Amino acid sequence: MNSGTSDFLNASRWVAAFFVVLGHVFSISIGNYYDLPHDNPLLRGIHFLSGFGYVGVIVFFVISGFLVAGRVIVNYHEKRFNIIDYFVNRYSRIYTVFIPALSVGFILDWFGVTFFDGSGIYRHPDQFYINSFGNDMATHLSVGTFVGNLLQLQTIVVSSLGSNGPLWSLANEWWYYVLFAFCMIAYRPGRLLTRVIAGVTIVAMLAVLPLRISLWFLVWCIGAAIAVLDRHWTGWPFIAGATIGATCLIAVRWITMGQLYIGLVTQFAIDLAVALGFSIALLCAKNLKTGRKLGSVHRMLASFSYTVYLVHFPAMVFAAALLKEVFGIRFLRPPGVTGLIYAGALLMVLYVYAWVFAVLTEAHTSTVRARLSVTIPALREWARSLAHGRFERTYS
């Protein structure tokens, strides 16, 4: 991957995560935005930008497909697909942060519900929180829900844990990893029976998973396709690709602004437009010429973007509840300067918190990966030798 594409991906990762957090912070900071009169251009601009949060998630899907599936496909002929290496990489990337994030989020939500819910922020957060399993966050704090989230069954069998609604996209992401693994097993040369079983498993998974997961697998696959196309097309000048991508994203935001409920087919078409628009910019990013200093800034901010996404929501709700109950500083403030100051301060607190969290977790992903790369094959060999010994004792 050349420096232009790398810098663009890093910038896209942290900007997408920032818009997700900005959208949530705006929603909990500014109440009755459409109901109360206001004529503040800065407020209007931030509100417009805050609506790119969901768009950022779709961008994440494309980036994931590009980096995960694309890398496997592009390198397939140089090195055969190894299912153990693949899942060691995926597990270490996801769970090094995910397990601590779930645990700390559970603790924050429990303390918030128990001690700081006088305002009803946890039990009646209807103005800034929507969960298909119910908006009462207190009902989503249980051992069963915790385990279900660990197994990536949030939005499928259980709700997201506590207040952490953004975890819906992580379930999508994980099952895309699994689907792609079976796609590679079905594709690579080998025993016909193995390939048939893999193909049947793919069909069964797509049928069993909710449509909002299985259908959006196509969006994820666009990223993989772009990684392949990237090797065969030189692309347009970056300014042309970036203009097309930005136009698609802004048009989507403009079309969906103020709409709370969009049909499944319409939503998929919109998300497909976002994915294709961003993909064009990504394809042209190889022609981007950036300074080394700017690239290092993007790399630093991207280094904890995953952590930001995972941990910000429970921390945000807890901070808002604590400020309200202890210091009398209300959330869902009227549109205006004080609301923007509140949102800005909350945003800064969340980013400092996420950075510290990432230093303790995400920064050690490579270490976890290295240890798993040694441990898993060793366990596999031990299991094989144990089974072989039992077989010999049985038939000797």
Protein backbone atom coordinates (compact mmCIF):
# COMPACT_ATOMS: atom_id res chain seq x y z
CA MET A 1 0.00 0.00 0.00
CA ASN A 2 1.47 3.37 -0.99
CA SER A 3 1.69 6.34 1.36
CA GLY A 4 -1.22 8.18 -0.30
CA THR A 5 -3.68 5.35 0.26
CA SER A 6 -2.35 4.74 3.77
CA ASP A 7 -2.73 8.40 4.75
CA PHE A 8 -6.21 8.56 3.25
CA LEU A 9 -7.31 5.43 5.11
CA ASN A 10 -5.95 6.73 8.40
CA ALA A 11 -7.66 10.07 7.89
CA SER A 12 -10.92 8.35 6.93
CA ARG A 13 -10.83 6.11 10.00
CA TRP A 14 -10.44 8.83 12.58
CA VAL A 15 -12.76 11.28 10.83
CA ALA A 16 -15.48 8.63 10.54
CA ALA A 17 -15.12 7.79 14.24
CA PHE A 18 -15.17 11.49 15.12
CA PHE A 19 -18.46 12.03 13.27
CA VAL A 20 -20.01 9.07 15.08
CA VAL A 21 -19.03 10.54 18.45
CA LEU A 22 -20.01 14.06 17.37
CA GLY A 23 -23.48 12.84 16.39
CA HIS A 24 -24.05 11.19 19.75
CA VAL A 25 -22.64 14.11 21.74
CA PHE A 26 -24.83 16.56 19.82
CA SER A 27 -27.90 14.40 20.46
CA ILE A 28 -27.36 14.30 24.22
CA SER A 29 -26.26 17.95 24.47
CA ILE A 30 -28.86 19.77 22.37
CA GLY A 31 -32.52 19.09 23.10
CA ASN A 32 -35.57 19.96 20.97
CA TYR A 33 -33.40 21.15 18.09
CA TYR A 34 -36.29 21.19 15.62
CA ASP A 35 -38.90 22.42 18.08
CA LEU A 36 -37.21 25.52 19.50
CA PRO A 37 -36.44 28.65 17.44
CA HIS A 38 -32.78 29.42 16.80
CA ASP A 39 -30.76 31.20 14.14
CA ASN A 40 -27.17 30.30 14.93
CA PRO A 41 -25.18 29.41 11.78
CA LEU A 42 -22.50 27.65 13.85
CA LEU A 43 -25.18 25.51 15.51
CA ARG A 44 -26.73 24.70 12.17
CA GLY A 45 -23.36 23.74 10.73
CA ILE A 46 -22.46 21.45 13.64
CA HIS A 47 -25.90 19.87 13.46
CA PHE A 48 -25.36 19.16 9.77
CA LEU A 49 -21.95 17.60 10.46
CA SER A 50 -23.30 15.57 13.37
CA GLY A 51 -25.58 13.77 10.93
CA PHE A 52 -22.61 12.07 9.27
CA GLY A 53 -22.30 9.59 12.15
CA TYR A 54 -24.19 6.78 10.44
CA VAL A 55 -22.40 7.57 7.18
CA GLY A 56 -19.16 7.05 9.11
CA VAL A 57 -20.22 3.51 10.00
CA ILE A 58 -20.76 2.65 6.33
CA VAL A 59 -17.32 4.09 5.57
CA PHE A 60 -15.94 1.79 8.28
CA PHE A 61 -17.51 -1.23 6.55
CA VAL A 62 -15.84 -0.34 3.26
CA ILE A 63 -12.47 0.24 4.93
CA SER A 64 -12.78 -3.08 6.75
CA GLY A 65 -13.54 -4.95 3.54
CA PHE A 66 -10.63 -3.20 1.83
CA LEU A 67 -8.10 -3.97 4.56
CA VAL A 68 -9.27 -7.39 5.75
CA ALA A 69 -10.74 -9.18 2.74
CA GLY A 70 -8.76 -7.22 0.17
CA ARG A 71 -5.45 -8.12 1.75
CA VAL A 72 -6.34 -11.81 1.87
CA ILE A 73 -7.53 -11.87 -1.76
CA VAL A 74 -4.59 -9.90 -3.12
CA ASN A 75 -2.05 -12.08 -1.29
CA TYR A 76 -3.90 -15.34 -1.92
CA HIS A 77 -1.69 -16.55 -4.77
CA GLU A 78 1.48 -15.67 -2.85
CA LYS A 79 0.43 -17.42 0.35
CA ARG A 80 -2.46 -19.78 0.80
CA PHE A 81 -5.32 -18.73 3.04
CA ASN A 82 -4.77 -20.00 6.57
CA ILE A 83 -7.96 -20.08 8.60
CA ILE A 84 -6.14 -20.10 11.97
CA ASP A 85 -3.96 -17.11 11.11
CA TYR A 86 -7.00 -15.30 9.78
CA PHE A 87 -9.06 -15.69 12.95
CA VAL A 88 -6.08 -15.01 15.22
CA ASN A 89 -5.70 -11.68 13.45
CA ARG A 90 -9.42 -10.90 13.58
CA TYR A 91 -9.88 -12.01 17.19
CA SER A 92 -6.90 -10.04 18.47
CA ARG A 93 -7.98 -6.95 16.59
CA ILE A 94 -11.56 -7.04 17.89
CA TYR A 95 -11.36 -8.55 21.36
CA THR A 96 -8.23 -6.89 22.73
CA VAL A 97 -10.37 -3.79 23.14
CA PHE A 98 -13.84 -5.30 23.09
CA ILE A 99 -13.63 -7.36 26.28
CA PRO A 100 -12.35 -4.46 28.44
CA ALA A 101 -14.80 -2.08 26.74
CA LEU A 102 -17.74 -4.34 27.55
CA SER A 103 -16.60 -4.76 31.14
CA VAL A 104 -15.97 -1.08 31.84
CA GLY A 105 -19.14 -0.07 29.99
CA PHE A 106 -21.14 -2.49 32.13
CA ILE A 107 -19.65 -1.01 35.31
CA LEU A 108 -20.32 2.58 34.23
CA ASP A 109 -23.91 1.77 33.28
CA TRP A 110 -24.54 -0.11 36.52
CA PHE A 111 -23.21 2.76 38.64
CA GLY A 112 -25.16 5.24 36.53
CA VAL A 113 -28.45 3.35 36.83
CA THR A 114 -27.93 2.74 40.56
CA PHE A 115 -26.71 6.13 41.74
CA PHE A 116 -27.14 8.81 39.06
CA ASP A 117 -30.48 8.22 37.33
CA GLY A 118 -32.54 10.91 39.02
CA SER A 119 -33.05 12.59 35.65
CA GLY A 120 -34.18 9.33 34.02
CA ILE A 121 -31.29 9.42 31.56
CA TYR A 122 -30.91 5.64 31.73
CA ARG A 123 -34.56 4.61 31.85
CA HIS A 124 -36.16 7.23 29.61
CA PRO A 125 -33.54 8.44 27.11
CA ASP A 126 -36.05 8.76 24.27
CA GLN A 127 -34.73 12.04 22.93
CA PHE A 128 -31.21 10.84 22.18
CA TYR A 129 -31.21 7.02 22.28
CA ILE A 130 -33.00 4.41 20.16
CA ASN A 131 -32.69 0.66 20.69
CA SER A 132 -34.86 -1.87 18.89
CA PHE A 133 -34.90 -3.96 22.11
CA GLY A 134 -36.27 -1.04 24.12
CA ASN A 135 -34.91 2.30 25.25
CA ASP A 136 -34.74 1.45 28.97
CA MET A 137 -30.99 0.88 29.30
CA ALA A 138 -31.42 -0.73 32.71
CA THR A 139 -33.13 -3.74 31.10
CA HIS A 140 -30.03 -4.42 28.99
CA LEU A 141 -27.70 -5.00 31.94
CA SER A 142 -27.57 -8.72 32.63
CA VAL A 143 -25.09 -11.58 32.48
CA GLY A 144 -26.98 -13.06 29.54
CA THR A 145 -26.76 -9.82 27.59
CA PHE A 146 -23.06 -9.54 28.44
CA VAL A 147 -22.36 -13.05 27.17
CA GLY A 148 -24.52 -12.47 24.10
CA ASN A 149 -22.46 -9.40 23.25
CA LEU A 150 -19.22 -11.33 23.79
CA LEU A 151 -20.51 -13.83 21.21
CA GLN A 152 -21.40 -10.96 18.83
CA LEU A 153 -25.11 -11.69 19.07
CA GLN A 154 -26.15 -8.10 19.87
CA THR A 155 -29.13 -7.01 17.73
CA ILE A 156 -29.55 -10.67 16.71
CA VAL A 157 -30.51 -12.49 19.93
CA VAL A 158 -29.86 -9.89 22.63
CA SER A 159 -29.66 -6.11 22.78
CA SER A 160 -26.42 -4.19 22.86
CA LEU A 161 -25.05 -4.21 26.39
CA GLY A 162 -26.47 -1.43 28.54
CA SER A 163 -26.29 1.95 26.87
CA ASN A 164 -23.75 0.92 24.23
CA GLY A 165 -26.06 0.98 21.22
CA PRO A 166 -23.19 1.55 18.73
CA LEU A 167 -22.13 -2.07 19.27
CA TRP A 168 -24.70 -3.04 16.61
CA SER A 169 -22.12 -2.44 13.89
CA LEU A 170 -19.53 -4.64 15.60
CA ALA A 171 -21.88 -7.62 15.28
CA ASN A 172 -22.16 -6.85 11.57
CA GLU A 173 -18.40 -6.62 11.31
CA TRP A 174 -17.72 -9.92 13.08
CA TRP A 175 -20.17 -11.93 11.02
CA TYR A 176 -18.73 -10.42 7.84
CA TYR A 177 -15.36 -11.81 8.95
CA VAL A 178 -16.94 -15.23 9.43
CA LEU A 179 -18.81 -15.12 6.12
CA PHE A 180 -15.66 -14.12 4.27
CA ALA A 181 -13.70 -16.96 5.90
CA PHE A 182 -16.22 -19.48 4.58
CA CYS A 183 -16.09 -17.78 1.17
CA MET A 184 -12.34 -18.37 1.07
CA ILE A 185 -12.75 -21.99 2.18
CA ALA A 186 -15.30 -22.54 -0.57
CA TYR A 187 -13.07 -20.84 -3.14
CA ARG A 188 -9.66 -22.34 -2.43
CA PRO A 189 -8.66 -25.70 -3.94
CA GLY A 190 -9.31 -28.64 -1.66
CA ARG A 191 -11.71 -31.44 -0.92
CA LEU A 192 -15.00 -31.02 -2.75
CA LEU A 193 -17.01 -31.96 0.35
CA THR A 194 -15.29 -29.24 2.40
CA ARG A 195 -16.01 -26.64 -0.25
CA VAL A 196 -19.66 -27.71 -0.53
CA ILE A 197 -20.11 -27.54 3.24
CA ALA A 198 -18.59 -24.08 3.25
CA GLY A 199 -20.94 -22.96 0.47
CA VAL A 200 -23.99 -24.35 2.27
CA THR A 201 -22.86 -22.64 5.49
CA ILE A 202 -22.63 -19.30 3.68
CA VAL A 203 -26.17 -19.64 2.34
CA ALA A 204 -27.48 -20.73 5.75
CA MET A 205 -25.80 -17.83 7.54
CA LEU A 206 -27.12 -15.28 5.08
CA ALA A 207 -30.61 -16.72 5.56
CA VAL A 208 -30.47 -16.86 9.36
CA LEU A 209 -28.80 -13.52 10.04
CA PRO A 210 -31.07 -10.45 10.13
CA LEU A 211 -31.46 -8.79 6.75
CA ARG A 212 -29.74 -5.66 8.07
CA ILE A 213 -26.62 -7.76 8.53
CA SER A 214 -26.69 -10.17 5.59
CA LEU A 215 -27.70 -7.59 2.97
CA TRP A 216 -25.07 -5.11 4.14
CA PHE A 217 -22.43 -7.79 3.56
CA LEU A 218 -22.49 -6.52 -0.03
CA VAL A 219 -21.39 -3.10 1.22
CA TRP A 220 -18.48 -4.73 3.07
CA CYS A 221 -17.58 -6.71 -0.04
CA ILE A 222 -17.31 -3.49 -2.04
CA GLY A 223 -14.20 -2.74 0.00
CA ALA A 224 -12.72 -6.11 -0.96
CA ALA A 225 -13.51 -5.50 -4.62
CA ILE A 226 -11.86 -2.08 -4.47
CA ALA A 227 -8.67 -3.66 -3.08
CA VAL A 228 -8.52 -5.93 -6.14
CA LEU A 229 -9.38 -3.16 -8.60
CA ASP A 230 -6.77 -0.94 -6.98
CA ARG A 231 -4.03 -3.17 -8.42
CA HIS A 232 -5.33 -2.89 -11.97
CA TRP A 233 -6.48 0.72 -12.30
CA THR A 234 -4.28 3.75 -11.89
CA GLY A 235 -7.22 5.91 -10.83
CA TRP A 236 -8.06 9.53 -11.51
CA PRO A 237 -6.35 12.47 -9.85
CA PHE A 238 -7.19 12.45 -6.15
CA ILE A 239 -9.01 15.77 -6.32
CA ALA A 240 -11.47 14.24 -8.83
CA GLY A 241 -12.09 11.13 -6.74
CA ALA A 242 -12.38 13.13 -3.52
CA THR A 243 -14.87 15.51 -5.14
CA ILE A 244 -17.07 12.62 -6.27
CA GLY A 245 -16.86 10.96 -2.86
CA ALA A 246 -17.61 14.15 -0.93
CA THR A 247 -20.51 14.98 -3.26
CA CYS A 248 -22.07 11.55 -2.63
CA LEU A 249 -21.70 11.85 1.13
CA ILE A 250 -23.04 15.40 1.32
CA ALA A 251 -25.95 14.55 -0.99
CA VAL A 252 -26.88 11.58 1.20
CA ARG A 253 -26.73 13.72 4.34
CA TRP A 254 -28.89 16.38 2.70
CA ILE A 255 -31.48 13.86 1.51
CA THR A 256 -31.79 12.10 4.86
CA MET A 257 -31.62 15.21 7.08
CA GLY A 258 -34.56 15.27 9.49
CA GLN A 259 -35.83 11.82 8.49
CA LEU A 260 -36.02 9.49 11.48
CA TYR A 261 -37.34 6.39 9.74
CA ILE A 262 -36.25 5.17 6.30
CA GLY A 263 -37.37 1.91 4.70
CA LEU A 264 -34.93 -0.98 4.48
CA VAL A 265 -34.62 -0.94 0.69
CA THR A 266 -34.21 2.84 0.57
CA GLN A 267 -31.64 2.74 3.36
CA PHE A 268 -29.66 0.05 1.56
CA ALA A 269 -29.68 2.06 -1.67
CA ILE A 270 -28.47 5.14 0.21
CA ASP A 271 -25.72 3.19 1.98
CA LEU A 272 -24.68 1.67 -1.33
CA ALA A 273 -24.29 5.17 -2.74
CA VAL A 274 -22.14 6.14 0.26
CA ALA A 275 -19.98 3.03 -0.18
CA LEU A 276 -19.48 3.58 -3.90
CA GLY A 277 -18.76 7.28 -3.49
CA PHE A 278 -16.18 6.66 -0.78
CA SER A 279 -14.69 3.79 -2.80
CA ILE A 280 -14.00 6.10 -5.73
CA ALA A 281 -12.09 8.45 -3.45
CA LEU A 282 -10.24 5.47 -1.97
CA LEU A 283 -9.24 4.21 -5.41
CA CYS A 284 -7.86 7.62 -6.32
CA ALA A 285 -6.05 8.08 -3.01
CA LYS A 286 -2.95 6.36 -4.42
CA ASN A 287 -2.40 9.58 -6.39
CA LEU A 288 -2.56 11.69 -3.24
CA LYS A 289 0.61 13.54 -2.34
CA THR A 290 0.74 14.36 1.37
CA GLY A 291 3.37 15.68 3.69
CA ARG A 292 5.00 13.33 6.17
CA LYS A 293 3.90 15.45 9.11
CA LEU A 294 0.24 15.35 8.12
CA GLY A 295 0.46 11.61 7.62
CA SER A 296 1.80 11.11 11.14
CA VAL A 297 -1.11 13.12 12.57
CA HIS A 298 -3.64 10.96 10.73
CA ARG A 299 -1.84 7.82 11.87
CA MET A 300 -1.87 8.91 15.50
CA LEU A 301 -5.56 9.81 15.51
CA ALA A 302 -6.47 6.63 13.66
CA SER A 303 -4.49 4.49 16.12
CA PHE A 304 -7.28 4.70 18.70
CA SER A 305 -10.32 5.32 16.46
CA TYR A 306 -11.62 1.79 17.11
CA THR A 307 -11.40 2.36 20.86
CA VAL A 308 -13.18 5.71 20.51
CA TYR A 309 -16.05 3.98 18.76
CA LEU A 310 -16.36 1.18 21.33
CA VAL A 311 -16.11 3.12 24.59
CA HIS A 312 -17.56 6.58 24.01
CA PHE A 313 -21.29 5.99 24.50
CA PRO A 314 -21.39 4.52 28.05
CA ALA A 315 -18.82 7.10 29.14
CA MET A 316 -20.85 9.89 27.55
CA VAL A 317 -24.08 8.89 29.28
CA PHE A 318 -22.32 8.41 32.62
CA ALA A 319 -20.62 11.81 32.35
CA ALA A 320 -23.93 13.50 31.50
CA ALA A 321 -25.68 11.76 34.41
CA LEU A 322 -22.87 12.62 36.84
CA LEU A 323 -22.83 16.28 35.81
CA LYS A 324 -26.59 16.49 36.22
CA GLU A 325 -26.90 14.73 39.58
CA VAL A 326 -23.76 16.02 41.31
CA PHE A 327 -23.23 19.47 39.80
CA GLY A 328 -26.70 20.31 38.48
CA ILE A 329 -25.42 20.79 34.93
CA ARG A 330 -28.21 19.63 32.66
CA PHE A 331 -27.92 17.71 29.43
CA LEU A 332 -30.30 18.17 26.47
CA ARG A 333 -29.83 21.92 26.71
CA PRO A 334 -31.73 24.43 24.56
CA PRO A 335 -30.08 25.17 21.20
CA GLY A 336 -27.51 27.91 21.70
CA VAL A 337 -24.02 28.83 22.84
CA THR A 338 -24.18 27.10 26.22
CA GLY A 339 -25.29 23.88 24.56
CA LEU A 340 -22.33 24.03 22.17
CA ILE A 341 -19.91 24.69 25.04
CA TYR A 342 -21.35 21.72 26.92
CA ALA A 343 -21.01 19.53 23.81
CA GLY A 344 -17.43 20.68 23.17
CA ALA A 345 -16.35 19.96 26.74
CA LEU A 346 -18.02 16.55 26.69
CA LEU A 347 -16.34 15.74 23.37
CA MET A 348 -12.91 16.57 24.78
CA VAL A 349 -13.47 14.46 27.89
CA LEU A 350 -14.52 11.47 25.79
CA TYR A 351 -11.46 11.68 23.56
CA VAL A 352 -9.07 11.89 26.50
CA TYR A 353 -10.83 8.91 28.08
CA ALA A 354 -10.68 6.91 24.84
CA TRP A 355 -6.99 7.70 24.34
CA VAL A 356 -6.11 6.46 27.82
CA PHE A 357 -8.26 3.38 27.28
CA ALA A 358 -6.48 2.69 23.98
CA VAL A 359 -3.05 3.02 25.57
CA LEU A 360 -4.04 0.25 27.97
CA THR A 361 -5.74 -1.98 25.38
CA GLU A 362 -5.60 -1.27 21.65
CA ALA A 363 -1.90 -0.41 21.76
CA HIS A 364 -1.22 -4.02 22.82
CA THR A 365 -3.07 -5.68 19.93
CA SER A 366 0.13 -6.87 18.25
CA THR A 367 1.28 -8.48 21.51
CA VAL A 368 -1.99 -10.34 21.90
CA ARG A 369 -1.80 -11.42 18.27
CA ALA A 370 1.74 -12.73 18.69
CA ARG A 371 0.84 -14.73 21.78
CA LEU A 372 -2.25 -16.23 20.15
CA SER A 373 -0.21 -17.10 17.06
CA VAL A 374 1.96 -19.30 19.28
CA THR A 375 -0.70 -20.60 21.66
CA ILE A 376 -3.42 -21.65 19.19
CA PRO A 377 -1.22 -23.90 17.00
CA ALA A 378 0.32 -25.41 20.15
CA LEU A 379 -3.13 -26.22 21.53
CA ARG A 380 -4.12 -27.65 18.18
CA GLU A 381 -1.10 -29.98 18.14
CA TRP A 382 -1.76 -31.00 21.74
CA ALA A 383 -5.39 -31.86 20.89
CA ARG A 384 -4.26 -33.88 17.87
CA SER A 385 -1.70 -35.83 19.88
CA LEU A 386 -4.24 -36.46 22.63
CA ALA A 387 -6.81 -37.74 20.14
CA HIS A 388 -4.18 -39.89 18.43
CA GLY A 389 -3.15 -41.40 21.78
CA ARG A 390 -6.75 -42.25 22.61
CA PHE A 391 -7.20 -43.86 19.19
CA GLU A 392 -4.11 -46.04 19.67
CA ARG A 393 -5.21 -47.13 23.14
CA THR A 394 -8.68 -47.99 21.85
CA TYR A 395 -7.56 -50.15 18.94
CA SER A 396 -4.29 -51.57 20.27
